PDB file of N, CA and C in Angstrom:
ATOM      1  N   MET A   1      27.421  51.201 -11.854  1.00  0.00           N
ATOM      2  CA  MET A   1      26.286  50.708 -11.096  1.00  0.00           C
ATOM      3  C   MET A   1      26.480  49.228 -10.785  1.00  0.00           C
ATOM      4  N   LYS A   2      26.180  48.836  -9.570  1.00  0.00           N
ATOM      5  CA  LYS A   2      26.403  47.462  -9.134  1.00  0.00           C
ATOM      6  C   LYS A   2      25.330  46.515  -9.646  1.00  0.00           C
ATOM      7  N   TYR A   3      25.711  45.258  -9.721  1.00  0.00           N
ATOM      8  CA  TYR A   3      24.781  44.182 -10.050  1.00  0.00           C
ATOM      9  C   TYR A   3      24.225  43.614  -8.752  1.00  0.00           C
ATOM     10  N   SER A   4      23.042  43.038  -8.820  1.00  0.00           N
ATOM     11  CA  SER A   4      22.536  42.301  -7.663  1.00  0.00           C
ATOM     12  C   SER A   4      22.747  40.822  -7.934  1.00  0.00           C
ATOM     13  N   VAL A   5      22.852  40.053  -6.877  1.00  0.00           N
ATOM     14  CA  VAL A   5      23.043  38.607  -6.986  1.00  0.00           C
ATOM     15  C   VAL A   5      21.783  37.949  -6.460  1.00  0.00           C
ATOM     16  N   ARG A   6      21.161  37.125  -7.303  1.00  0.00           N
ATOM     17  CA  ARG A   6      19.894  36.500  -6.930  1.00  0.00           C
ATOM     18  C   ARG A   6      19.832  35.059  -7.405  1.00  0.00           C
ATOM     19  N   PHE A   7      18.816  34.371  -6.906  1.00  0.00           N
ATOM     20  CA  PHE A   7      18.486  33.029  -7.367  1.00  0.00           C
ATOM     21  C   PHE A   7      17.194  33.140  -8.166  1.00  0.00           C
ATOM     22  N   PRO A   8      17.045  32.379  -9.244  1.00  0.00           N
ATOM     23  CA  PRO A   8      15.832  32.498 -10.061  1.00  0.00           C
ATOM     24  C   PRO A   8      14.577  31.952  -9.377  1.00  0.00           C
ATOM     25  N   ALA A   9      14.739  31.091  -8.381  1.00  0.00           N
ATOM     26  CA  ALA A   9      13.591  30.519  -7.672  1.00  0.00           C
ATOM     27  C   ALA A   9      14.013  30.170  -6.249  1.00  0.00           C
ATOM     28  N   GLU A  10      13.043  30.168  -5.355  1.00  0.00           N
ATOM     29  CA  GLU A  10      13.331  29.832  -3.955  1.00  0.00           C
ATOM     30  C   GLU A  10      13.839  28.397  -3.823  1.00  0.00           C
ATOM     31  N   SER A  11      13.306  27.489  -4.641  1.00  0.00           N
ATOM     32  CA  SER A  11      13.746  26.092  -4.577  1.00  0.00           C
ATOM     33  C   SER A  11      15.219  25.962  -4.963  1.00  0.00           C
ATOM     34  N   ILE A  12      15.668  26.751  -5.932  1.00  0.00           N
ATOM     35  CA  ILE A  12      17.080  26.720  -6.333  1.00  0.00           C
ATOM     36  C   ILE A  12      17.947  27.292  -5.218  1.00  0.00           C
ATOM     37  N   GLN A  13      17.463  28.320  -4.554  1.00  0.00           N
ATOM     38  CA  GLN A  13      18.204  28.887  -3.431  1.00  0.00           C
ATOM     39  C   GLN A  13      18.366  27.859  -2.317  1.00  0.00           C
ATOM     40  N   LYS A  14      17.318  27.116  -2.023  1.00  0.00           N
ATOM     41  CA  LYS A  14      17.391  26.086  -0.985  1.00  0.00           C
ATOM     42  C   LYS A  14      18.378  24.990  -1.373  1.00  0.00           C
ATOM     43  N   LYS A  15      18.353  24.555  -2.629  1.00  0.00           N
ATOM     44  CA  LYS A  15      19.289  23.520  -3.096  1.00  0.00           C
ATOM     45  C   LYS A  15      20.721  24.029  -3.028  1.00  0.00           C
ATOM     46  N   PHE A  16      20.927  25.299  -3.391  1.00  0.00           N
ATOM     47  CA  PHE A  16      22.254  25.885  -3.331  1.00  0.00           C
ATOM     48  C   PHE A  16      22.784  25.863  -1.904  1.00  0.00           C
ATOM     49  N   HIS A  17      21.969  26.313  -0.957  1.00  0.00           N
ATOM     50  CA  HIS A  17      22.416  26.367   0.441  1.00  0.00           C
ATOM     51  C   HIS A  17      22.607  24.963   1.031  1.00  0.00           C
ATOM     52  N   LYS A  18      21.821  24.012   0.579  1.00  0.00           N
ATOM     53  CA  LYS A  18      21.999  22.627   1.029  1.00  0.00           C
ATOM     54  C   LYS A  18      23.334  22.077   0.521  1.00  0.00           C
ATOM     55  N   ALA A  19      23.655  22.367  -0.743  1.00  0.00           N
ATOM     56  CA  ALA A  19      24.941  21.937  -1.304  1.00  0.00           C
ATOM     57  C   ALA A  19      26.093  22.651  -0.611  1.00  0.00           C
ATOM     58  N   LEU A  20      25.889  23.907  -0.262  1.00  0.00           N
ATOM     59  CA  LEU A  20      26.924  24.694   0.405  1.00  0.00           C
ATOM     60  C   LEU A  20      27.237  24.147   1.797  1.00  0.00           C
ATOM     61  N   GLU A  21      26.232  23.606   2.488  1.00  0.00           N
ATOM     62  CA  GLU A  21      26.439  23.054   3.831  1.00  0.00           C
ATOM     63  C   GLU A  21      27.416  21.887   3.850  1.00  0.00           C
ATOM     64  N   ILE A  22      27.532  21.181   2.754  1.00  0.00           N
ATOM     65  CA  ILE A  22      28.414  20.012   2.657  1.00  0.00           C
ATOM     66  C   ILE A  22      29.880  20.432   2.529  1.00  0.00           C
ATOM     67  N   ILE A  23      30.097  21.634   2.034  1.00  0.00           N
ATOM     68  CA  ILE A  23      31.450  22.138   1.791  1.00  0.00           C
ATOM     69  C   ILE A  23      32.088  22.541   3.126  1.00  0.00           C
ATOM     70  N   PRO A  24      33.391  22.315   3.299  1.00  0.00           N
ATOM     71  CA  PRO A  24      34.070  22.744   4.533  1.00  0.00           C
ATOM     72  C   PRO A  24      33.862  24.241   4.792  1.00  0.00           C
ATOM     73  N   PRO A  25      33.709  24.627   6.064  1.00  0.00           N
ATOM     74  CA  PRO A  25      33.387  26.015   6.418  1.00  0.00           C
ATOM     75  C   PRO A  25      34.309  27.074   5.819  1.00  0.00           C
ATOM     76  N   LYS A  26      35.604  26.833   5.786  1.00  0.00           N
ATOM     77  CA  LYS A  26      36.527  27.831   5.237  1.00  0.00           C
ATOM     78  C   LYS A  26      36.242  28.062   3.755  1.00  0.00           C
ATOM     79  N   ILE A  27      35.959  26.988   3.041  1.00  0.00           N
ATOM     80  CA  ILE A  27      35.669  27.113   1.612  1.00  0.00           C
ATOM     81  C   ILE A  27      34.286  27.733   1.406  1.00  0.00           C
ATOM     82  N   GLN A  28      33.350  27.461   2.327  1.00  0.00           N
ATOM     83  CA  GLN A  28      32.035  28.111   2.254  1.00  0.00           C
ATOM     84  C   GLN A  28      32.198  29.631   2.251  1.00  0.00           C
ATOM     85  N   ASP A  29      33.061  30.110   3.140  1.00  0.00           N
ATOM     86  CA  ASP A  29      33.308  31.551   3.217  1.00  0.00           C
ATOM     87  C   ASP A  29      33.888  32.079   1.907  1.00  0.00           C
ATOM     88  N   GLU A  30      34.808  31.325   1.317  1.00  0.00           N
ATOM     89  CA  GLU A  30      35.414  31.739   0.052  1.00  0.00           C
ATOM     90  C   GLU A  30      34.374  31.774  -1.060  1.00  0.00           C
ATOM     91  N   VAL A  31      33.478  30.792  -1.072  1.00  0.00           N
ATOM     92  CA  VAL A  31      32.406  30.753  -2.074  1.00  0.00           C
ATOM     93  C   VAL A  31      31.520  31.984  -1.927  1.00  0.00           C
ATOM     94  N   MET A  32      31.111  32.299  -0.711  1.00  0.00           N
ATOM     95  CA  MET A  32      30.231  33.441  -0.486  1.00  0.00           C
ATOM     96  C   MET A  32      30.927  34.763  -0.829  1.00  0.00           C
ATOM     97  N   GLU A  33      32.211  34.874  -0.531  1.00  0.00           N
ATOM     98  CA  GLU A  33      32.968  36.078  -0.895  1.00  0.00           C
ATOM     99  C   GLU A  33      33.046  36.229  -2.404  1.00  0.00           C
ATOM    100  N   ALA A  34      33.274  35.120  -3.107  1.00  0.00           N
ATOM    101  CA  ALA A  34      33.350  35.157  -4.566  1.00  0.00           C
ATOM    102  C   ALA A  34      32.012  35.581  -5.165  1.00  0.00           C
ATOM    103  N   ILE A  35      30.924  35.074  -4.598  1.00  0.00           N
ATOM    104  CA  ILE A  35      29.596  35.444  -5.083  1.00  0.00           C
ATOM    105  C   ILE A  35      29.327  36.925  -4.819  1.00  0.00           C
ATOM    106  N   GLU A  36      29.702  37.402  -3.657  1.00  0.00           N
ATOM    107  CA  GLU A  36      29.537  38.826  -3.349  1.00  0.00           C
ATOM    108  C   GLU A  36      30.351  39.696  -4.302  1.00  0.00           C
ATOM    109  N   GLY A  37      31.497  39.187  -4.744  1.00  0.00           N
ATOM    110  CA  GLY A  37      32.338  39.908  -5.697  1.00  0.00           C
ATOM    111  C   GLY A  37      31.665  40.111  -7.044  1.00  0.00           C
ATOM    112  N   LEU A  38      30.658  39.298  -7.345  1.00  0.00           N
ATOM    113  CA  LEU A  38      29.945  39.445  -8.613  1.00  0.00           C
ATOM    114  C   LEU A  38      29.164  40.757  -8.674  1.00  0.00           C
ATOM    115  N   THR A  39      28.867  41.360  -7.526  1.00  0.00           N
ATOM    116  CA  THR A  39      28.130  42.627  -7.538  1.00  0.00           C
ATOM    117  C   THR A  39      28.943  43.734  -8.205  1.00  0.00           C
ATOM    118  N   ASP A  40      30.258  43.694  -8.041  1.00  0.00           N
ATOM    119  CA  ASP A  40      31.136  44.693  -8.663  1.00  0.00           C
ATOM    120  C   ASP A  40      31.600  44.268 -10.047  1.00  0.00           C
ATOM    121  N   ASN A  41      31.845  42.984 -10.231  1.00  0.00           N
ATOM    122  CA  ASN A  41      32.370  42.492 -11.499  1.00  0.00           C
ATOM    123  C   ASN A  41      31.759  41.119 -11.803  1.00  0.00           C
ATOM    124  N   PRO A  42      30.670  41.077 -12.576  1.00  0.00           N
ATOM    125  CA  PRO A  42      30.013  39.797 -12.831  1.00  0.00           C
ATOM    126  C   PRO A  42      30.778  38.872 -13.774  1.00  0.00           C
ATOM    127  N   ARG A  43      31.830  39.389 -14.376  1.00  0.00           N
ATOM    128  CA  ARG A  43      32.651  38.568 -15.267  1.00  0.00           C
ATOM    129  C   ARG A  43      34.133  38.726 -14.886  1.00  0.00           C
ATOM    130  N   PRO A  44      34.550  38.055 -13.812  1.00  0.00           N
ATOM    131  CA  PRO A  44      35.942  38.201 -13.362  1.00  0.00           C
ATOM    132  C   PRO A  44      36.938  37.750 -14.435  1.00  0.00           C
ATOM    133  N   ALA A  45      38.075  38.418 -14.468  1.00  0.00           N
ATOM    134  CA  ALA A  45      39.138  38.061 -15.409  1.00  0.00           C
ATOM    135  C   ALA A  45      39.588  36.630 -15.165  1.00  0.00           C
ATOM    136  N   GLY A  46      39.861  35.919 -16.231  1.00  0.00           N
ATOM    137  CA  GLY A  46      40.338  34.551 -16.115  1.00  0.00           C
ATOM    138  C   GLY A  46      39.232  33.527 -15.976  1.00  0.00           C
ATOM    139  N   GLU A  47      37.985  33.957 -16.033  1.00  0.00           N
ATOM    140  CA  GLU A  47      36.841  33.040 -15.933  1.00  0.00           C
ATOM    141  C   GLU A  47      36.087  33.066 -17.267  1.00  0.00           C
ATOM    142  N   PRO A  48      36.478  32.231 -18.216  1.00  0.00           N
ATOM    143  CA  PRO A  48      35.818  32.262 -19.531  1.00  0.00           C
ATOM    144  C   PRO A  48      34.395  31.722 -19.469  1.00  0.00           C
ATOM    145  N   LYS A  49      33.638  32.039 -20.519  1.00  0.00           N
ATOM    146  CA  LYS A  49      32.279  31.523 -20.626  1.00  0.00           C
ATOM    147  C   LYS A  49      32.314  30.002 -20.746  1.00  0.00           C
ATOM    148  N   ILE A  50      31.246  29.361 -20.295  1.00  0.00           N
ATOM    149  CA  ILE A  50      31.090  27.921 -20.482  1.00  0.00           C
ATOM    150  C   ILE A  50      30.527  27.729 -21.888  1.00  0.00           C
ATOM    151  N   LYS A  51      31.212  26.960 -22.712  1.00  0.00           N
ATOM    152  CA  LYS A  51      30.760  26.739 -24.090  1.00  0.00           C
ATOM    153  C   LYS A  51      30.617  25.259 -24.348  1.00  0.00           C
ATOM    154  N   PRO A  52      29.459  24.806 -24.769  1.00  0.00           N
ATOM    155  CA  PRO A  52      28.193  25.526 -24.802  1.00  0.00           C
ATOM    156  C   PRO A  52      27.677  25.722 -23.386  1.00  0.00           C
ATOM    157  N   PRO A  53      26.712  26.639 -23.211  1.00  0.00           N
ATOM    158  CA  PRO A  53      26.162  26.872 -21.862  1.00  0.00           C
ATOM    159  C   PRO A  53      25.641  25.580 -21.238  1.00  0.00           C
ATOM    160  N   LEU A  54      25.762  25.482 -19.951  1.00  0.00           N
ATOM    161  CA  LEU A  54      25.342  24.294 -19.207  1.00  0.00           C
ATOM    162  C   LEU A  54      23.927  24.512 -18.684  1.00  0.00           C
ATOM    163  N   ILE A  55      23.027  23.588 -18.961  1.00  0.00           N
ATOM    164  CA  ILE A  55      21.656  23.703 -18.491  1.00  0.00           C
ATOM    165  C   ILE A  55      21.589  23.202 -17.046  1.00  0.00           C
ATOM    166  N   VAL A  56      21.146  24.097 -16.156  1.00  0.00           N
ATOM    167  CA  VAL A  56      21.019  23.798 -14.731  1.00  0.00           C
ATOM    168  C   VAL A  56      19.608  24.201 -14.319  1.00  0.00           C
ATOM    169  N   TYR A  57      18.788  23.220 -13.940  1.00  0.00           N
ATOM    170  CA  TYR A  57      17.405  23.502 -13.539  1.00  0.00           C
ATOM    171  C   TYR A  57      16.679  24.357 -14.585  1.00  0.00           C
ATOM    172  N   GLN A  58      16.768  23.990 -15.835  1.00  0.00           N
ATOM    173  CA  GLN A  58      16.126  24.642 -16.976  1.00  0.00           C
ATOM    174  C   GLN A  58      16.716  25.996 -17.339  1.00  0.00           C
ATOM    175  N   TYR A  59      17.731  26.454 -16.647  1.00  0.00           N
ATOM    176  CA  TYR A  59      18.383  27.725 -16.942  1.00  0.00           C
ATOM    177  C   TYR A  59      19.745  27.450 -17.578  1.00  0.00           C
ATOM    178  N   ALA A  60      20.216  28.400 -18.376  1.00  0.00           N
ATOM    179  CA  ALA A  60      21.506  28.247 -19.047  1.00  0.00           C
ATOM    180  C   ALA A  60      22.588  28.969 -18.246  1.00  0.00           C
ATOM    181  N   ALA A  61      23.479  28.203 -17.656  1.00  0.00           N
ATOM    182  CA  ALA A  61      24.620  28.777 -16.930  1.00  0.00           C
ATOM    183  C   ALA A  61      25.723  29.034 -17.943  1.00  0.00           C
ATOM    184  N   GLN A  62      26.053  30.302 -18.136  1.00  0.00           N
ATOM    185  CA  GLN A  62      27.078  30.649 -19.114  1.00  0.00           C
ATOM    186  C   GLN A  62      28.428  30.953 -18.480  1.00  0.00           C
ATOM    187  N   TYR A  63      28.446  31.067 -17.149  1.00  0.00           N
ATOM    188  CA  TYR A  63      29.683  31.416 -16.460  1.00  0.00           C
ATOM    189  C   TYR A  63      29.906  30.510 -15.259  1.00  0.00           C
ATOM    190  N   ARG A  64      31.157  30.494 -14.811  1.00  0.00           N
ATOM    191  CA  ARG A  64      31.489  29.730 -13.608  1.00  0.00           C
ATOM    192  C   ARG A  64      32.516  30.516 -12.809  1.00  0.00           C
ATOM    193  N   LEU A  65      32.471  30.314 -11.521  1.00  0.00           N
ATOM    194  CA  LEU A  65      33.498  30.832 -10.624  1.00  0.00           C
ATOM    195  C   LEU A  65      34.265  29.632 -10.103  1.00  0.00           C
ATOM    196  N   LYS A  66      35.569  29.715 -10.138  1.00  0.00           N
ATOM    197  CA  LYS A  66      36.393  28.638  -9.599  1.00  0.00           C
ATOM    198  C   LYS A  66      36.827  29.022  -8.196  1.00  0.00           C
ATOM    199  N   ILE A  67      36.455  28.201  -7.241  1.00  0.00           N
ATOM    200  CA  ILE A  67      36.882  28.377  -5.854  1.00  0.00           C
ATOM    201  C   ILE A  67      37.447  27.039  -5.406  1.00  0.00           C
ATOM    202  N   ARG A  68      38.770  26.969  -5.385  1.00  0.00           N
ATOM    203  CA  ARG A  68      39.468  25.714  -5.074  1.00  0.00           C
ATOM    204  C   ARG A  68      38.935  24.603  -5.952  1.00  0.00           C
ATOM    205  N   ASN A  69      38.351  23.572  -5.338  1.00  0.00           N
ATOM    206  CA  ASN A  69      37.871  22.418  -6.095  1.00  0.00           C
ATOM    207  C   ASN A  69      36.351  22.483  -6.313  1.00  0.00           C
ATOM    208  N   TYR A  70      35.782  23.689  -6.254  1.00  0.00           N
ATOM    209  CA  TYR A  70      34.341  23.874  -6.411  1.00  0.00           C
ATOM    210  C   TYR A  70      34.065  24.883  -7.523  1.00  0.00           C
ATOM    211  N   ARG A  71      32.868  24.760  -8.117  1.00  0.00           N
ATOM    212  CA  ARG A  71      32.459  25.673  -9.171  1.00  0.00           C
ATOM    213  C   ARG A  71      31.071  26.229  -8.849  1.00  0.00           C
ATOM    214  N   VAL A  72      30.922  27.529  -8.976  1.00  0.00           N
ATOM    215  CA  VAL A  72      29.617  28.179  -8.868  1.00  0.00           C
ATOM    216  C   VAL A  72      29.173  28.462 -10.296  1.00  0.00           C
ATOM    217  N   LEU A  73      28.009  27.951 -10.662  1.00  0.00           N
ATOM    218  CA  LEU A  73      27.476  28.118 -12.007  1.00  0.00           C
ATOM    219  C   LEU A  73      26.436  29.230 -11.984  1.00  0.00           C
ATOM    220  N   TYR A  74      26.557  30.171 -12.915  1.00  0.00           N
ATOM    221  CA  TYR A  74      25.671  31.331 -12.908  1.00  0.00           C
ATOM    222  C   TYR A  74      25.537  31.936 -14.299  1.00  0.00           C
ATOM    223  N   ASP A  75      24.660  32.926 -14.409  1.00  0.00           N
ATOM    224  CA  ASP A  75      24.479  33.671 -15.652  1.00  0.00           C
ATOM    225  C   ASP A  75      24.337  35.151 -15.298  1.00  0.00           C
ATOM    226  N   VAL A  76      24.503  36.002 -16.292  1.00  0.00           N
ATOM    227  CA  VAL A  76      24.447  37.444 -16.073  1.00  0.00           C
ATOM    228  C   VAL A  76      23.395  38.049 -16.998  1.00  0.00           C
ATOM    229  N   ASP A  77      22.526  38.868 -16.432  1.00  0.00           N
ATOM    230  CA  ASP A  77      21.540  39.630 -17.193  1.00  0.00           C
ATOM    231  C   ASP A  77      21.962  41.092 -17.122  1.00  0.00           C
ATOM    232  N   ASP A  78      22.549  41.596 -18.216  1.00  0.00           N
ATOM    233  CA  ASP A  78      23.065  42.968 -18.219  1.00  0.00           C
ATOM    234  C   ASP A  78      21.954  44.016 -18.241  1.00  0.00           C
ATOM    235  N   GLU A  79      20.820  43.696 -18.844  1.00  0.00           N
ATOM    236  CA  GLU A  79      19.720  44.663 -18.890  1.00  0.00           C
ATOM    237  C   GLU A  79      19.173  44.962 -17.489  1.00  0.00           C
ATOM    238  N   GLN A  80      18.981  43.907 -16.702  1.00  0.00           N
ATOM    239  CA  GLN A  80      18.456  44.088 -15.345  1.00  0.00           C
ATOM    240  C   GLN A  80      19.559  44.207 -14.303  1.00  0.00           C
ATOM    241  N   ARG A  81      20.814  44.006 -14.735  1.00  0.00           N
ATOM    242  CA  ARG A  81      21.989  44.072 -13.857  1.00  0.00           C
ATOM    243  C   ARG A  81      21.878  43.071 -12.706  1.00  0.00           C
ATOM    244  N   ILE A  82      21.665  41.793 -13.103  1.00  0.00           N
ATOM    245  CA  ILE A  82      21.512  40.713 -12.130  1.00  0.00           C
ATOM    246  C   ILE A  82      22.460  39.570 -12.492  1.00  0.00           C
ATOM    247  N   ALA A  83      23.134  39.026 -11.499  1.00  0.00           N
ATOM    248  CA  ALA A  83      23.887  37.776 -11.651  1.00  0.00           C
ATOM    249  C   ALA A  83      23.012  36.690 -11.039  1.00  0.00           C
ATOM    250  N   TRP A  84      22.541  35.770 -11.866  1.00  0.00           N
ATOM    251  CA  TRP A  84      21.652  34.690 -11.420  1.00  0.00           C
ATOM    252  C   TRP A  84      22.484  33.486 -11.008  1.00  0.00           C
ATOM    253  N   ILE A  85      22.411  33.089  -9.753  1.00  0.00           N
ATOM    254  CA  ILE A  85      23.168  31.949  -9.238  1.00  0.00           C
ATOM    255  C   ILE A  85      22.315  30.694  -9.370  1.00  0.00           C
ATOM    256  N   PHE A  86      22.921  29.622  -9.923  1.00  0.00           N
ATOM    257  CA  PHE A  86      22.183  28.382 -10.138  1.00  0.00           C
ATOM    258  C   PHE A  86      22.638  27.224  -9.251  1.00  0.00           C
ATOM    259  N   ASP A  87      23.951  27.072  -9.075  1.00  0.00           N
ATOM    260  CA  ASP A  87      24.419  25.876  -8.364  1.00  0.00           C
ATOM    261  C   ASP A  87      25.860  26.052  -7.918  1.00  0.00           C
ATOM    262  N   VAL A  88      26.246  25.275  -6.914  1.00  0.00           N
ATOM    263  CA  VAL A  88      27.643  25.119  -6.525  1.00  0.00           C
ATOM    264  C   VAL A  88      27.919  23.624  -6.576  1.00  0.00           C
ATOM    265  N   ARG A  89      29.004  23.258  -7.260  1.00  0.00           N
ATOM    266  CA  ARG A  89      29.327  21.836  -7.444  1.00  0.00           C
ATOM    267  C   ARG A  89      30.800  21.583  -7.175  1.00  0.00           C
ATOM    268  N   LYS A  90      31.067  20.396  -6.655  1.00  0.00           N
ATOM    269  CA  LYS A  90      32.456  19.968  -6.502  1.00  0.00           C
ATOM    270  C   LYS A  90      32.975  19.616  -7.885  1.00  0.00           C
ATOM    271  N   ARG A  91      34.171  20.030  -8.190  1.00  0.00           N
ATOM    272  CA  ARG A  91      34.760  19.786  -9.504  1.00  0.00           C
ATOM    273  C   ARG A  91      35.094  18.311  -9.637  1.00  0.00           C
ATOM    274  N   ASN A  92      34.432  17.651 -10.577  1.00  0.00           N
ATOM    275  CA  ASN A  92      34.719  16.268 -10.920  1.00  0.00           C
ATOM    276  C   ASN A  92      34.227  16.013 -12.348  1.00  0.00           C
ATOM    277  N   GLU A  93      34.207  14.771 -12.763  1.00  0.00           N
ATOM    278  CA  GLU A  93      33.821  14.462 -14.148  1.00  0.00           C
ATOM    279  C   GLU A  93      32.355  14.776 -14.444  1.00  0.00           C
ATOM    280  N   ARG A  94      31.530  14.941 -13.412  1.00  0.00           N
ATOM    281  CA  ARG A  94      30.105  15.230 -13.631  1.00  0.00           C
ATOM    282  C   ARG A  94      29.765  16.718 -13.509  1.00  0.00           C
ATOM    283  N   THR A  95      30.710  17.549 -13.156  1.00  0.00           N
ATOM    284  CA  THR A  95      30.426  18.968 -12.948  1.00  0.00           C
ATOM    285  C   THR A  95      29.807  19.610 -14.181  1.00  0.00           C
ATOM    286  N   TYR A  96      30.347  19.311 -15.340  1.00  0.00           N
ATOM    287  CA  TYR A  96      29.865  19.921 -16.573  1.00  0.00           C
ATOM    288  C   TYR A  96      29.087  18.922 -17.435  1.00  0.00           C
ATOM    289  N   ALA A  97      28.612  17.844 -16.828  1.00  0.00           N
ATOM    290  CA  ALA A  97      27.862  16.835 -17.572  1.00  0.00           C
ATOM    291  C   ALA A  97      26.597  17.449 -18.131  1.00  0.00           C
ATOM    292  N   ARG A  98      26.288  17.092 -19.325  1.00  0.00           N
ATOM    293  CA  ARG A  98      25.110  17.659 -20.005  1.00  0.00           C
ATOM    294  C   ARG A  98      23.929  16.759 -19.818  1.00  0.00           C
TER     295      ARG A  98
END
């Protein structure tokens, strides 16, 4: 059974799309494809958990997707079969800042 991909709040969805607009178009497509891939496999091979979880907008992001120099921060709810998307960030020294 597939997972759905959602945002926990409309405000987080707006912030995500605003951050996505800054990314070059080709990489935007790669980010969206990677997120769509979470419906089949919410824990892709080679993507370890973030330890300790990163707090993003009061939510705990336990996973990340690596797309070139960008990271999508998210969590997985296995009971409801939902991958919760929190943020997309350019990889730098502040990406995992607590």
